[in-house]
Protein backbone atom coordinates (compact mmCIF):
# COMPACT_ATOMS: atom_id res chain seq x y z
CA MET A 1 34.49 66.34 106.64
CA ARG A 2 37.37 66.49 104.14
CA THR A 3 39.89 64.02 102.72
CA ASP A 4 43.50 65.23 102.92
CA PHE A 5 45.94 64.39 100.12
CA ASP A 6 49.70 64.49 100.70
CA PRO A 7 51.57 65.41 97.48
CA ALA A 8 54.80 63.81 98.70
CA ALA A 9 53.11 60.51 99.62
CA MET A 10 51.06 60.34 96.41
CA GLY A 11 53.86 61.05 93.99
CA GLY A 12 53.95 63.65 91.24
CA ARG A 13 51.80 62.07 88.52
CA ALA A 14 49.04 60.93 90.90
CA PHE A 15 48.86 64.36 92.54
CA TYR A 16 48.94 65.98 89.09
CA ARG A 17 45.69 64.15 88.22
CA LEU A 18 44.10 65.43 91.41
CA LEU A 19 45.40 68.96 90.88
CA THR A 20 44.08 69.23 87.32
CA SER A 21 40.67 68.07 88.57
CA VAL A 22 40.35 70.87 91.13
CA VAL A 23 42.15 73.76 89.36
CA VAL A 24 39.30 74.16 86.89
CA PRO A 25 38.30 75.35 84.39
CA ARG A 26 41.63 76.04 82.69
CA PRO A 27 41.84 78.09 79.48
CA ILE A 28 43.71 76.48 76.60
CA ALA A 29 46.70 77.97 74.84
CA TRP A 30 46.60 76.40 71.37
CA VAL A 31 50.27 77.01 70.57
CA SER A 32 51.67 77.00 67.06
CA SER A 33 55.42 77.11 66.53
CA VAL A 34 58.00 76.30 63.86
CA SER A 35 61.20 74.32 64.27
CA ALA A 36 64.56 75.57 63.01
CA ASP A 37 64.09 73.10 60.12
CA GLY A 38 60.76 74.67 59.16
CA VAL A 39 58.35 72.01 60.50
CA ASP A 40 55.33 73.58 62.16
CA ASN A 41 53.78 72.28 65.36
CA LEU A 42 50.40 72.88 66.98
CA ALA A 43 49.57 71.73 70.49
CA PRO A 44 47.10 72.56 73.30
CA HIS A 45 48.52 73.60 76.68
CA SER A 46 46.04 74.03 79.53
CA PHE A 47 48.27 75.90 82.00
CA PHE A 48 47.76 79.33 80.40
CA THR A 49 47.20 82.87 81.63
CA VAL A 50 48.00 86.58 81.28
CA ALA A 51 51.31 87.36 83.02
CA SER A 52 51.67 91.14 82.46
CA VAL A 53 49.54 94.04 81.28
CA THR A 54 52.31 96.47 80.23
CA PRO A 55 54.01 95.09 78.28
CA PRO A 56 51.32 92.58 77.26
CA ILE A 57 52.75 89.18 78.17
CA VAL A 58 51.02 85.81 78.30
CA SER A 59 52.41 82.58 79.68
CA PHE A 60 51.83 78.88 79.25
CA THR A 61 53.47 75.91 80.91
CA SER A 62 55.06 73.04 79.05
CA VAL A 63 54.75 69.94 81.22
CA GLY A 64 58.12 68.44 80.37
CA GLU A 65 60.16 68.92 77.20
CA LYS A 66 57.76 69.07 74.24
CA ASP A 67 57.99 70.14 70.60
CA SER A 68 56.40 73.53 71.35
CA LEU A 69 59.09 74.29 73.92
CA ARG A 70 61.96 73.12 71.71
CA ASN A 71 60.72 75.11 68.71
CA ILE A 72 60.25 78.29 70.74
CA ARG A 73 63.74 77.95 72.17
CA GLN A 74 65.11 77.65 68.64
CA THR A 75 63.16 80.47 66.97
CA GLY A 76 61.89 82.77 69.74
CA GLU A 77 58.37 82.99 68.26
CA PHE A 78 54.95 81.39 68.69
CA VAL A 79 51.22 82.02 68.24
CA ILE A 80 48.43 81.24 70.68
CA SER A 81 45.10 80.65 68.95
CA LEU A 82 41.88 80.51 70.95
CA ALA A 83 40.49 76.97 71.13
CA PRO A 84 36.77 77.30 70.24
CA GLU A 85 34.04 74.80 71.00
CA GLU A 86 33.40 74.12 67.31
CA LEU A 87 36.95 72.78 66.93
CA PHE A 88 36.77 70.49 69.97
CA GLU A 89 37.87 67.32 68.16
CA ALA A 90 40.65 69.09 66.27
CA VAL A 91 42.04 70.65 69.47
CA ASN A 92 42.07 67.22 71.09
CA ALA A 93 43.72 65.67 68.02
CA THR A 94 46.60 68.15 68.15
CA GLY A 95 47.43 66.86 71.63
CA THR A 96 48.53 63.55 70.08
CA ASN A 97 52.24 62.76 70.56
CA PHE A 98 53.15 62.80 66.87
CA PRO A 99 56.85 62.66 65.93
CA ALA A 100 58.52 66.07 65.61
CA GLU A 101 58.61 65.78 61.80
CA VAL A 102 54.79 65.57 61.61
CA SER A 103 52.77 68.79 61.51
CA GLU A 104 49.61 68.71 63.60
CA PHE A 105 48.05 71.20 61.20
CA ASP A 106 48.16 68.52 58.51
CA ALA A 107 47.33 65.57 60.80
CA ALA A 108 44.20 67.32 62.13
CA GLY A 109 43.22 68.80 58.75
CA LEU A 110 43.52 72.41 59.92
CA THR A 111 44.09 75.33 57.57
CA ARG A 112 47.00 77.66 58.22
CA GLU A 113 46.72 81.45 58.11
CA PRO A 114 49.83 83.67 57.80
CA SER A 115 50.71 85.72 60.85
CA ALA A 116 51.41 89.44 60.62
CA THR A 117 54.51 89.72 62.85
CA VAL A 118 55.94 86.23 63.42
CA LYS A 119 56.73 83.15 61.33
CA PRO A 120 54.44 80.51 62.97
CA SER A 121 51.00 80.29 61.36
CA ARG A 122 47.68 81.08 62.98
CA VAL A 123 44.85 78.53 63.02
CA ALA A 124 42.63 80.00 60.30
CA ALA A 125 39.39 78.71 61.84
CA SER A 126 40.13 80.15 65.30
CA PRO A 127 38.49 83.52 66.10
CA VAL A 128 41.54 84.88 67.97
CA ALA A 129 45.30 84.65 67.47
CA LEU A 130 47.92 86.18 69.76
CA GLU A 131 51.26 86.47 67.99
CA CYS A 132 54.14 86.36 70.46
CA ARG A 133 57.88 86.82 70.68
CA LEU A 134 59.66 84.93 73.44
CA HIS A 135 60.23 86.98 76.60
CA GLU A 136 61.74 84.24 78.73
CA ILE A 137 61.51 80.56 79.66
CA HIS A 138 61.50 79.80 83.36
CA PRO A 139 62.08 76.20 84.57
CA VAL A 140 59.90 75.17 87.51
CA GLY A 141 60.30 71.62 88.80
CA ASP A 142 59.76 69.28 85.85
CA CYS A 143 57.97 72.00 83.85
CA PHE A 144 58.86 75.12 81.89
CA VAL A 145 56.88 78.37 82.02
CA VAL A 146 57.08 80.13 78.65
CA TYR A 147 56.47 83.89 78.63
CA GLY A 148 55.69 85.62 75.35
CA GLU A 149 55.19 89.31 74.59
CA ILE A 150 52.22 89.86 72.30
CA THR A 151 53.22 91.59 69.06
CA CYS A 152 49.78 91.37 67.42
CA ALA A 153 46.30 90.32 68.52
CA ALA A 154 44.20 89.28 65.52
CA VAL A 155 40.48 88.96 66.27
CA ARG A 156 37.85 87.96 63.74
CA THR A 157 35.71 91.04 63.08
CA GLU A 158 32.37 89.27 63.36
CA VAL A 159 32.97 88.38 67.03
CA LEU A 160 33.42 92.05 68.02
CA ASP A 161 30.63 94.27 69.30
CA ALA A 162 30.08 97.86 68.12
CA ALA A 163 32.73 99.11 70.59
CA GLY A 164 35.31 96.62 69.30
CA HIS A 165 35.08 94.30 72.32
CA PRO A 166 35.11 90.51 71.76
CA ARG A 167 31.77 88.90 72.58
CA ILE A 168 32.21 85.82 74.73
CA GLU A 169 29.10 84.11 73.32
CA MET A 170 30.68 84.36 69.87
CA LEU A 171 34.13 83.17 70.96
CA ARG A 172 32.75 80.09 72.76
CA PRO A 173 36.10 79.04 74.26
CA LEU A 174 36.86 75.51 75.36
CA SER A 175 38.46 74.81 78.73
CA ARG A 176 40.13 71.78 80.28
CA LEU A 177 38.79 70.07 83.36
CA GLY A 178 40.00 66.84 84.98
CA LEU A 179 40.76 63.46 83.42
CA ASN A 180 39.43 63.50 79.83
CA GLU A 181 36.81 66.15 80.61
CA TRP A 182 36.46 69.44 78.77
CA GLY A 183 34.31 72.47 79.53
CA THR A 184 32.23 74.71 77.31
CA LEU A 185 30.89 78.20 77.95
CA GLY A 186 27.66 77.33 79.77
CA GLU A 187 25.67 80.02 81.60
CA ILE A 188 27.20 83.50 81.62
CA LYS A 189 26.83 85.63 84.76
CA ASP A 190 27.40 89.40 84.65
CA ILE A 191 28.12 91.46 87.76
CA THR A 192 29.86 94.80 88.36
CA ARG A 193 32.53 94.98 91.05
CA ILE A 194 31.45 97.14 94.00
CA ARG A 195 33.71 100.10 94.78
CA ALA A 196 34.66 100.61 98.44
CA GLU A 197 32.93 104.01 98.46
CA ASP A 198 29.69 102.38 97.29
CA TRP A 199 29.79 99.53 99.81
CA PRO A 200 26.58 99.08 101.84
CA GLY A 201 26.89 100.99 105.10
CA HIS A 202 29.03 103.63 103.39
CA TYR A 203 32.30 101.90 104.27
CA ARG A 204 35.28 104.18 103.81
CA LEU A 205 38.96 103.34 103.71
CA GLY A 206 41.27 105.03 106.23
C-alpha cells in the first residue's frame, strides 16, 4: 500500500518538504561569493551536482533570489567548498538569513583562504575547494540553477592516497536529509560495476 501525494493540491512549500525528505542524501555546495561592493558571502545549498565532465562544470540551485545568486550574477565567480562533518555547526550557521552586508565567514568564525584563480575565498578548514567561473544561470520555476566551470580544484594533500585520489573516509562529507536532519558518511560499500561481457550466463550485446 502507498500514499499518493498531489503536488498541485499540496502547494509548492508543502510538497517541497516532502520532496527534500525523499530525494536523499543530497550533497552540499558550500558556496562562497563576493558582492560587487566587496562583501563576501558563504551559504550552503543542498541541490548540488556535477553537470558536465568536459568541460568540468558543476551546478547548484538557488531556491529563490539569495545573496549567493546576486553576487555571482554581479561578479561571475564563486567557490564551492566541501562541507565536512567536523564543521557541521558552522555549515548550519552559514545558512542563517543574515543581511547582505554581513559576512557569514565572520559570523560563523571561519577562516578565509585565498583562491588561486577567482576572487571569492575558500573555507580554509574545508578539505576541498572548487573554484568556478560562471557558465550560465538557468531559471526554473521559482529557482535558479547556477552552472560554474571549474578553474581549479584544491584538495588538501593529507586526504589523498598514494595515487592522488581523495579518500572518502578522510573527507567525511555532510549531506542534507529532510526537515532539520543531516547525514554523515556512515558505512561505506565498495562494489565494481559488472561489464556486459562478464555478465553471468555470458550475456552478449547484439
